[in-house]
Every structure is written in C-alpha cells, then in structure tokens.
Protein backbone atom coordinates (compact mmCIF):
# COMPACT_ATOMS: atom_id res chain seq x y z
CA MET A 1 0.00 0.00 0.00
CA LYS A 2 2.80 2.42 0.82
CA ASN A 3 4.25 1.89 -2.67
CA VAL A 4 1.12 2.90 -4.59
CA LYS A 5 1.90 5.87 -6.83
CA PHE A 6 0.07 8.15 -9.22
CA LYS A 7 1.05 8.78 -12.80
CA PRO A 8 3.41 11.76 -13.03
CA LYS A 9 1.61 15.06 -13.48
CA ASP A 10 0.38 15.30 -17.04
CA LYS A 11 1.55 17.90 -19.52
CA SER A 12 -1.35 20.24 -18.82
CA ASP A 13 0.23 21.35 -15.52
CA PHE A 14 -3.25 21.74 -14.05
CA HIS A 15 -2.15 21.23 -10.46
CA GLN A 16 0.78 23.63 -10.73
CA VAL A 17 -1.37 26.42 -12.22
CA LEU A 18 -4.12 25.84 -9.66
CA ARG A 19 -1.74 25.98 -6.70
CA ALA A 20 -0.17 29.18 -8.02
CA ARG A 21 -3.58 30.83 -8.31
CA VAL A 22 -4.69 29.75 -4.85
CA ASN A 23 -1.43 30.91 -3.28
CA ASP A 24 -1.82 34.23 -5.08
CA TYR A 25 -5.36 34.57 -3.66
CA PHE A 26 -4.11 34.27 -0.10
CA ARG A 27 -1.07 36.45 -0.74
CA SER A 28 -2.90 39.27 -2.54
CA ASN A 29 -5.70 39.35 0.04
CA ARG A 30 -3.22 39.08 2.93
CA ILE A 31 -5.15 36.38 4.75
CA PRO A 32 -3.80 33.22 6.39
CA LYS A 33 -4.78 29.76 5.20
CA TYR A 34 -5.81 28.57 8.66
CA GLY A 35 -9.01 29.35 10.60
CA ASN A 36 -10.23 32.74 11.74
CA LEU A 37 -12.37 34.23 14.51
CA SER A 38 -15.58 32.91 12.97
CA LEU A 39 -14.22 29.37 13.19
CA GLN A 40 -13.26 29.86 16.84
CA VAL A 41 -16.78 31.14 17.61
CA LYS A 42 -18.26 28.13 15.83
CA ALA A 43 -16.08 25.81 17.91
CA LEU A 44 -17.47 27.37 21.10
CA ILE A 45 -21.02 26.92 19.82
CA MET A 46 -20.45 23.27 18.92
CA PHE A 47 -18.84 22.44 22.25
CA SER A 48 -21.74 24.21 23.98
CA LEU A 49 -24.20 22.02 22.10
CA LEU A 50 -22.21 19.06 23.41
CA TRP A 51 -21.83 20.08 27.05
CA ILE A 52 -24.91 22.16 27.98
CA PRO A 53 -27.36 19.25 27.49
CA MET A 54 -25.01 17.14 29.59
CA ILE A 55 -25.17 19.75 32.35
CA VAL A 56 -28.98 19.78 32.06
CA LEU A 57 -28.97 16.02 32.53
CA HIS A 58 -27.03 16.44 35.78
CA VAL A 59 -29.09 19.25 37.30
CA VAL A 60 -32.63 18.57 36.09
CA PRO A 61 -34.33 15.49 37.63
CA ASN A 62 -37.21 13.44 36.27
CA ILE A 63 -36.84 14.29 32.58
CA PRO A 64 -39.31 12.05 30.67
CA TRP A 65 -38.08 9.54 28.14
CA TYR A 66 -38.87 11.77 25.17
CA GLY A 67 -36.94 14.60 26.83
CA LEU A 68 -33.96 12.30 27.25
CA ILE A 69 -34.14 11.41 23.55
CA ALA A 70 -34.21 15.13 22.71
CA LEU A 71 -31.14 15.70 24.88
CA GLY A 72 -29.37 12.85 23.10
CA LEU A 73 -30.19 14.32 19.69
CA LEU A 74 -29.03 17.76 20.81
CA ILE A 75 -25.74 16.33 22.10
CA GLY A 76 -25.42 14.45 18.81
CA SER A 77 -25.79 17.70 16.88
CA GLY A 78 -22.89 19.13 18.86
CA GLN A 79 -20.83 15.96 18.54
CA SER A 80 -21.25 15.78 14.77
CA GLY A 81 -20.69 19.53 14.49
CA ILE A 82 -17.38 19.19 16.33
CA GLY A 83 -16.39 16.33 14.07
CA LEU A 84 -17.25 18.25 10.90
CA SER A 85 -16.09 21.74 11.80
CA VAL A 86 -13.56 21.58 14.63
CA MET A 87 -11.78 18.24 14.80
CA HIS A 88 -11.60 17.95 11.03
CA ASP A 89 -9.83 21.27 10.56
CA ALA A 90 -7.56 20.69 13.56
CA LEU A 91 -6.33 17.27 12.47
CA HIS A 92 -5.68 18.66 9.00
CA ALA A 93 -3.50 21.32 10.68
CA ALA A 94 -5.90 24.01 9.44
CA PHE A 95 -7.57 25.35 12.59
CA PHE A 96 -4.57 27.16 14.14
CA LYS A 97 -1.24 28.25 12.73
CA SER A 98 0.49 26.19 15.43
CA LYS A 99 0.85 22.46 14.77
CA LYS A 100 1.00 21.85 18.52
CA TRP A 101 -2.37 23.53 19.15
CA ASN A 102 -3.94 21.82 16.15
CA ASP A 103 -2.85 18.45 17.54
CA ARG A 104 -4.13 19.32 21.02
CA LEU A 105 -7.53 20.51 19.81
CA GLY A 106 -7.86 17.58 17.41
CA THR A 107 -7.03 15.04 20.11
CA LEU A 108 -9.35 16.68 22.67
CA SER A 109 -12.17 16.80 20.14
CA MET A 110 -11.67 13.16 19.27
CA ILE A 111 -11.76 12.10 22.91
CA PHE A 112 -15.18 13.72 23.40
CA VAL A 113 -16.70 12.43 20.15
CA GLY A 114 -15.48 8.86 20.65
CA GLY A 115 -12.74 8.64 18.06
CA TYR A 116 -8.97 8.23 18.12
CA ALA A 117 -6.90 10.96 16.49
CA SER A 118 -3.92 8.80 15.53
CA ASN A 119 -6.11 6.28 13.68
CA TRP A 120 -8.13 8.99 12.00
CA LYS A 121 -5.04 10.70 10.61
CA MET A 122 -3.86 7.41 9.11
CA GLN A 123 -7.19 6.42 7.58
CA HIS A 124 -8.38 9.85 6.55
CA ASN A 125 -5.32 12.02 5.93
CA GLN A 126 -2.95 9.38 4.58
CA LEU A 127 -5.18 6.82 2.86
CA HIS A 128 -8.44 8.54 1.95
CA HIS A 129 -6.94 11.85 0.86
CA SER A 130 -4.02 10.30 -0.96
CA TYR A 131 -5.97 7.51 -2.69
CA THR A 132 -9.57 8.71 -2.91
CA ASN A 133 -11.91 5.99 -4.22
CA VAL A 134 -8.99 3.69 -5.05
CA HIS A 135 -10.14 0.13 -4.47
CA GLY A 136 -8.32 -1.71 -1.71
CA VAL A 137 -6.50 1.40 -0.49
CA ASP A 138 -9.11 4.01 0.44
CA LEU A 139 -10.71 2.57 3.57
CA ASP A 140 -13.59 5.06 3.35
CA ILE A 141 -15.10 2.97 0.54
CA ASN A 142 -14.44 -0.21 2.52
CA PRO A 143 -17.60 -0.26 4.69
CA PRO A 144 -17.61 -1.82 8.17
CA SER A 145 -20.37 -4.23 7.13
CA THR A 146 -20.56 -6.51 4.11
CA LEU A 147 -24.20 -5.43 3.88
CA LEU A 148 -22.90 -2.31 2.14
CA ARG A 149 -21.11 -2.04 -1.20
CA PHE A 150 -19.50 1.30 -2.05
CA SER A 151 -17.17 0.23 -4.85
CA PRO A 152 -17.95 -1.53 -8.15
CA TYR A 153 -14.79 -3.60 -7.56
CA ASP A 154 -16.14 -5.16 -4.35
CA PRO A 155 -17.95 -8.54 -4.45
CA LEU A 156 -21.64 -8.20 -5.26
CA LYS A 157 -24.12 -9.98 -2.97
CA LYS A 158 -27.86 -10.50 -3.37
CA VAL A 159 -28.58 -8.40 -0.29
CA HIS A 160 -26.91 -5.37 -1.91
CA LYS A 161 -29.94 -5.07 -4.15
CA TYR A 162 -31.72 -3.48 -1.20
CA GLN A 163 -28.89 -1.37 0.22
CA TYR A 164 -30.40 1.82 -1.16
CA LEU A 165 -33.22 1.23 1.34
CA TYR A 166 -31.42 0.04 4.48
CA ALA A 167 -28.09 1.89 4.14
CA TRP A 168 -29.54 4.96 5.85
CA PHE A 169 -30.26 3.00 9.03
CA LEU A 170 -26.78 1.48 9.02
CA TYR A 171 -25.30 4.95 8.62
CA SER A 172 -26.88 5.96 11.91
CA LEU A 173 -25.02 3.08 13.64
CA MET A 174 -21.58 3.94 12.27
CA SER A 175 -20.63 6.34 15.05
CA LEU A 176 -21.62 3.80 17.70
CA PHE A 177 -19.63 1.07 15.93
CA TRP A 178 -16.69 3.46 15.66
CA CYS A 179 -16.40 4.14 19.39
CA ILE A 180 -16.99 0.52 20.45
CA LYS A 181 -15.01 -1.49 17.92
CA LYS A 182 -13.72 0.26 14.81
CA ASP A 183 -10.73 2.08 16.32
CA PHE A 184 -9.42 -1.09 17.96
CA LYS A 185 -9.90 -3.03 14.74
CA ASP A 186 -8.22 -0.31 12.67
CA LEU A 187 -5.23 -0.09 14.98
CA TYR A 188 -4.38 -3.73 14.31
CA LEU A 189 -5.19 -3.31 10.61
CA PHE A 190 -2.70 -0.46 10.33
CA ARG A 191 -0.06 -2.65 11.93
CA GLU A 192 -0.76 -5.34 9.32
CA LEU A 193 -0.46 -2.73 6.58
CA GLY A 194 3.01 -1.84 7.77
CA PHE A 195 2.46 1.50 9.50
CA TYR A 196 4.21 0.19 12.62
CA ASP A 197 6.99 -1.81 10.97
CA GLY A 198 9.87 -2.03 13.43
CA LYS A 199 7.97 0.14 15.90
CA GLY A 200 6.57 -2.41 18.35
CA SER A 201 6.90 -0.07 21.30
CA GLN A 202 4.99 2.63 19.44
CA PHE A 203 2.17 0.21 18.63
CA LYS A 204 1.88 -0.81 22.30
CA LYS A 205 1.78 2.86 23.25
CA GLU A 206 -1.02 3.45 20.75
CA VAL A 207 -3.05 0.57 22.19
CA ILE A 208 -2.63 1.87 25.75
CA THR A 209 -3.47 5.43 24.70
CA LEU A 210 -6.57 4.29 22.82
CA ILE A 211 -7.80 2.35 25.87
CA PHE A 212 -7.14 5.38 28.08
CA HIS A 213 -9.09 7.66 25.75
CA ARG A 214 -12.00 5.22 25.69
CA VAL A 215 -12.07 5.06 29.49
CA ILE A 216 -12.36 8.86 29.54
CA TYR A 217 -15.06 8.79 26.86
CA PHE A 218 -17.32 6.17 28.40
CA GLY A 219 -16.61 7.49 31.88
CA PHE A 220 -17.74 10.98 30.89
CA TRP A 221 -20.85 10.04 28.92
CA ILE A 222 -22.04 7.02 30.93
CA GLY A 223 -20.07 6.73 34.19
CA LEU A 224 -20.57 10.28 35.50
CA PRO A 225 -24.35 10.42 34.82
CA VAL A 226 -24.84 7.03 36.46
CA LEU A 227 -22.89 8.08 39.55
CA PHE A 228 -24.10 11.67 39.94
CA THR A 229 -27.66 11.76 38.62
CA SER A 230 -30.89 10.03 39.65
CA TYR A 231 -31.31 8.43 36.23
CA THR A 232 -30.96 4.70 35.72
CA ILE A 233 -28.29 3.14 33.53
CA TRP A 234 -30.96 2.41 30.90
CA GLN A 235 -32.05 6.04 30.79
CA ILE A 236 -28.44 7.15 30.39
CA LEU A 237 -27.93 4.59 27.64
CA LEU A 238 -31.01 5.99 25.89
CA VAL A 239 -29.35 9.41 25.73
CA PHE A 240 -26.07 7.80 24.64
CA LEU A 241 -27.78 5.80 21.87
CA PHE A 242 -29.63 8.72 20.33
CA LYS A 243 -26.51 10.85 20.56
CA HIS A 244 -24.77 8.33 18.33
CA LEU A 245 -27.71 7.75 16.02
CA PHE A 246 -27.73 11.45 15.17
CA THR A 247 -23.95 11.66 14.87
CA GLY A 248 -23.57 8.60 12.66
CA PHE A 249 -26.32 9.68 10.30
CA ALA A 250 -25.14 13.31 10.12
CA LEU A 251 -21.54 12.38 9.37
CA ALA A 252 -22.51 9.77 6.78
CA VAL A 253 -24.88 11.99 4.81
CA VAL A 254 -22.18 14.67 4.54
CA PHE A 255 -19.25 12.42 3.62
CA GLN A 256 -20.86 9.63 1.57
CA PRO A 257 -22.51 11.74 -1.16
CA ALA A 258 -19.16 13.45 -1.74
CA HIS A 259 -17.54 10.29 -3.15
CA VAL A 260 -20.23 7.69 -3.77
CA SER A 261 -22.42 9.66 -6.11
CA ASP A 262 -23.55 10.05 -9.68
CA GLY A 263 -20.51 10.92 -11.76
CA SER A 264 -17.80 10.06 -9.24
CA SER A 265 -15.32 7.49 -10.50
CA PHE A 266 -13.57 4.57 -8.83
CA GLU A 267 -10.07 3.42 -9.62
CA ILE A 268 -7.90 0.34 -9.16
CA VAL A 269 -4.16 -0.03 -8.69
CA ASP A 270 -2.40 -1.37 -11.80
CA ASP A 271 1.19 -2.51 -11.26
CA GLY A 272 1.51 -0.31 -8.20
CA GLU A 273 0.24 2.78 -10.01
CA VAL A 274 -3.00 4.70 -10.38
CA LYS A 275 -3.19 5.72 -14.04
CA GLU A 276 -4.03 9.34 -13.38
CA ASP A 277 -2.52 12.61 -12.19
CA TRP A 278 -3.27 13.02 -8.47
CA ALA A 279 -5.03 16.40 -8.70
CA ILE A 280 -7.16 15.38 -11.68
CA HIS A 281 -7.98 12.14 -9.86
CA GLN A 282 -9.36 14.19 -6.95
CA LEU A 283 -11.78 16.03 -9.23
CA LYS A 284 -12.95 12.84 -10.91
CA THR A 285 -13.65 11.05 -7.63
CA THR A 286 -15.12 13.92 -5.62
CA VAL A 287 -18.43 15.79 -5.77
CA ASN A 288 -19.52 19.13 -4.28
CA PHE A 289 -23.10 19.94 -3.32
CA ALA A 290 -25.28 22.70 -1.83
CA MET A 291 -22.56 25.24 -2.55
CA THR A 292 -24.91 28.22 -2.23
CA ASN A 293 -26.49 27.07 1.04
CA LYS A 294 -24.62 29.12 3.66
CA ILE A 295 -26.36 27.56 6.67
CA PHE A 296 -25.58 24.02 5.54
CA THR A 297 -22.02 25.01 4.67
CA TRP A 298 -21.59 26.50 8.16
CA TYR A 299 -22.78 23.38 9.99
CA ALA A 300 -21.08 20.88 7.65
CA GLY A 301 -17.72 22.53 8.12
CA GLY A 302 -17.52 23.38 4.42
CA LEU A 303 -17.30 19.69 3.57
CA ASN A 304 -19.93 20.16 0.89
CA PHE A 305 -16.97 21.81 -0.86
CA GLN A 306 -15.24 18.46 -0.85
CA ILE A 307 -13.30 19.11 -4.05
CA GLU A 308 -11.54 22.12 -2.56
CA HIS A 309 -10.94 20.22 0.66
CA HIS A 310 -9.26 17.35 -1.18
CA LEU A 311 -7.10 19.60 -3.28
CA PHE A 312 -6.10 21.82 -0.32
CA PRO A 313 -6.65 19.80 2.88
CA SER A 314 -4.38 22.00 5.01
CA VAL A 315 -6.48 25.10 4.23
CA SER A 316 -9.30 25.85 6.67
CA HIS A 317 -12.82 25.21 5.44
CA VAL A 318 -13.78 28.87 6.03
CA HIS A 319 -11.96 29.66 2.76
CA TYR A 320 -13.52 26.97 0.56
CA PRO A 321 -16.34 29.04 -1.03
CA LYS A 322 -13.80 31.53 -2.38
CA LEU A 323 -11.39 28.78 -3.48
CA ALA A 324 -14.22 27.04 -5.32
CA GLU A 325 -14.42 29.92 -7.78
CA ILE A 326 -10.71 29.52 -8.57
CA VAL A 327 -10.84 25.72 -8.80
CA LYS A 328 -13.88 25.65 -11.09
CA ARG A 329 -12.48 28.32 -13.41
CA THR A 330 -9.15 26.49 -13.67
CA ALA A 331 -10.81 23.11 -14.19
CA ASP A 332 -12.94 24.56 -16.98
CA GLU A 333 -9.86 26.00 -18.67
CA PHE A 334 -8.15 22.61 -18.68
CA GLY A 335 -11.28 20.68 -19.68
CA ILE A 336 -11.44 18.76 -16.40
CA PRO A 337 -14.88 17.88 -14.97
CA TYR A 338 -15.99 19.77 -11.87
CA LEU A 339 -18.74 17.63 -10.33
CA SER A 340 -21.41 19.27 -8.19
CA HIS A 341 -25.06 18.93 -7.21
CA PRO A 342 -27.19 22.03 -6.60
CA SER A 343 -28.59 21.08 -3.20
CA PHE A 344 -28.19 18.73 -0.25
CA ARG A 345 -31.43 17.02 -1.26
CA SER A 346 -30.18 16.37 -4.79
CA ALA A 347 -26.89 15.02 -3.38
CA LEU A 348 -28.77 12.54 -1.20
CA ILE A 349 -30.91 11.45 -4.16
CA LYS A 350 -27.81 10.93 -6.33
CA HIS A 351 -26.14 8.98 -3.51
CA GLY A 352 -29.24 6.81 -3.20
CA ILE A 353 -29.16 6.18 -6.96
CA SER A 354 -25.50 5.18 -6.70
CA LEU A 355 -26.31 2.75 -3.89
CA TYR A 356 -29.08 1.32 -6.07
CA GLN A 357 -26.73 0.89 -9.03
CA LEU A 358 -23.92 -0.57 -6.91
CA GLY A 359 -26.42 -3.12 -5.62
CA ARG A 360 -26.98 -4.42 -9.11
CA ALA A 361 -23.71 -4.25 -11.00
C-alpha cells in the first residue's frame, strides 16, 4: 500500500497552475490559510451544544423519556458539528497556525466524540486523501459491514440489491460502531499494513493510549451520569444511543454523497500505479453539493466543498467558497470535470441512486 503511486503530473500542468492561483489569492488578500475568529466562535457553539445538554442532565431530575431522547439528539448535533467543523480542521493542521495547538484541539475533540486521532489521521489524511476511491487502499469505501457495497470492484451480494433502502439506518449506527469497535480493529489493521513496521513499542503505546481515551469517553458520557444523577443506567444509555444515532447519520450523509455519487469514478491499482494525475484524480472522484447554502455550509464545516478540501486539505474550510471559484475556473480551462449537485437534497438522491446501481452491477 505504501508503494502505490500516481502517474506523473500530465503535460497540462493543471495542479501547478491551480496551486499558483490559490497561493496568489491568499497572498494578494493578505489572509492566512488557517481558521479565523468565525471558526473559533463556531467551535465554542459546537462544544456548547455538546456540554450544555449534559449539564442539564445532571441538574434537572425526572426528565421524561422523550426529553432524554431530545437531549441525546441535541448532544449528537454538537458531537457531529465538532467532528465536521472543529476536529476535522484541527487534524488537518488548518484550525490554528500552530501544529501543537492543532494536535491538542484535534485530540481533545476526538476524545469527546469517541474517536482516536492517531487512527483517523492514518485512515483519513494518509489513505483517503491520498488515494480517494482507489479500491483496496481508500478505507472510506471499505464499509464496516458486508451489507454495504460502495465500490464496483467489491464482491456483489444478493442483499446489496436493497442497500439503497437500508443503508440509511446502518449509517446511523456507524458512530456507535466506531467508538466501540472500529478504532481497535483499525489499529491492528494499520499494523498489518506496515504502519508500525519495526515500531513495536509505538504500537503498544497506541493501544494503551486508545484504551485510556475510551475510558475517559465512556466514563464521561455514561459513568458520570450514572454516579451523579438520579437516572438509571438504561435512561443514560437511551441518551447515549440517540446521541450516536444522530452523529452517525449526520456524518454519513455529509461524507458519503461526496464520493459515492452520480458521476464520481472509482479506480484500481495497476502494477503499483493509479493511471491518473493526483489532482485530476481528486476532481474525478469527488463531488460538491449545496454550494450556495450558507447555513448548511456552516454546519457541515464546508465539507460540501469536498473538491476544494481534497485539493487543499491544510487550508481551513472557512476559505472553501472563495477557493471554489478559482478551482472551477481552472478546471474549466483545462477541460477537467468539476462535479457538483445544486442542493443537499439532490446530493442525497444521487447517492441513493448510486447505492441502487452498486447493488446491481
């Protein structure tokens, strides 16, 4: 996997021209590529959505079951918002100028949303961003359940014929699966893939750190309410469940339509090489949507501008709408497709159509 390469940049020099134009945009406007005050304010809002309902749970007794579900959904909105807008920028080194503070914020965010920063950077930054939609390399199109098929190169099963119907329910479980099992499974997978070759002590440290982070996570969300509130363990688990149902669904419906959608391509490795220029590959495998919806863009952390994010992952999402104008103009000049859907609704419909098609061929 480490030896997979892309074809050398083609003669059009698309990537070189695009980078020069984007760098000139930041230089001429005298603005940094990392986050700004608006991003910091959004981070405070998202963490408030996470913690205030938790405080309510501790100070308000006798909340009925439907109120507990509402609290769980509210916490889930904050948890997914942190994942999309705060953690994502931080672990891409785009929230602050300082790498140290990006790492600290990214790790802290991951602890409270039930993920593990080290794993995420390997799967997302190294594999997904480098080899988007490349079969057998991009783990984002390798679903946690064989009930789902995201790549035309994966084995086709009879049950996949109905995935366009049941996938949405499975999406809502992904966050729960992630915090319970996925990170542990991925840690050992990354060792098998050679990320810890000759680094046995580092791997042991990662295992211990992951366990420690999970103790904090489950202790905060389940242990503390059980010990310091009048609610039963089952009532607390009800809040915990709906928190994850919201988070899993929200994250999936933002990320999945960006790569498994009408028009997005899938590639395979041929003799250790992907037969495409890296930057052009990103445009062919990635889809934008709802680019004019400012409210959705705000909550989704600009990840509806997925093309710009993949081309410039270390640039904060607050700049993506402006970069999109440059990327689209440059792509048009070089005759490269710039895939986008006009709305979130249309993106979901196109994703559903792709699931339908992948269930049949």
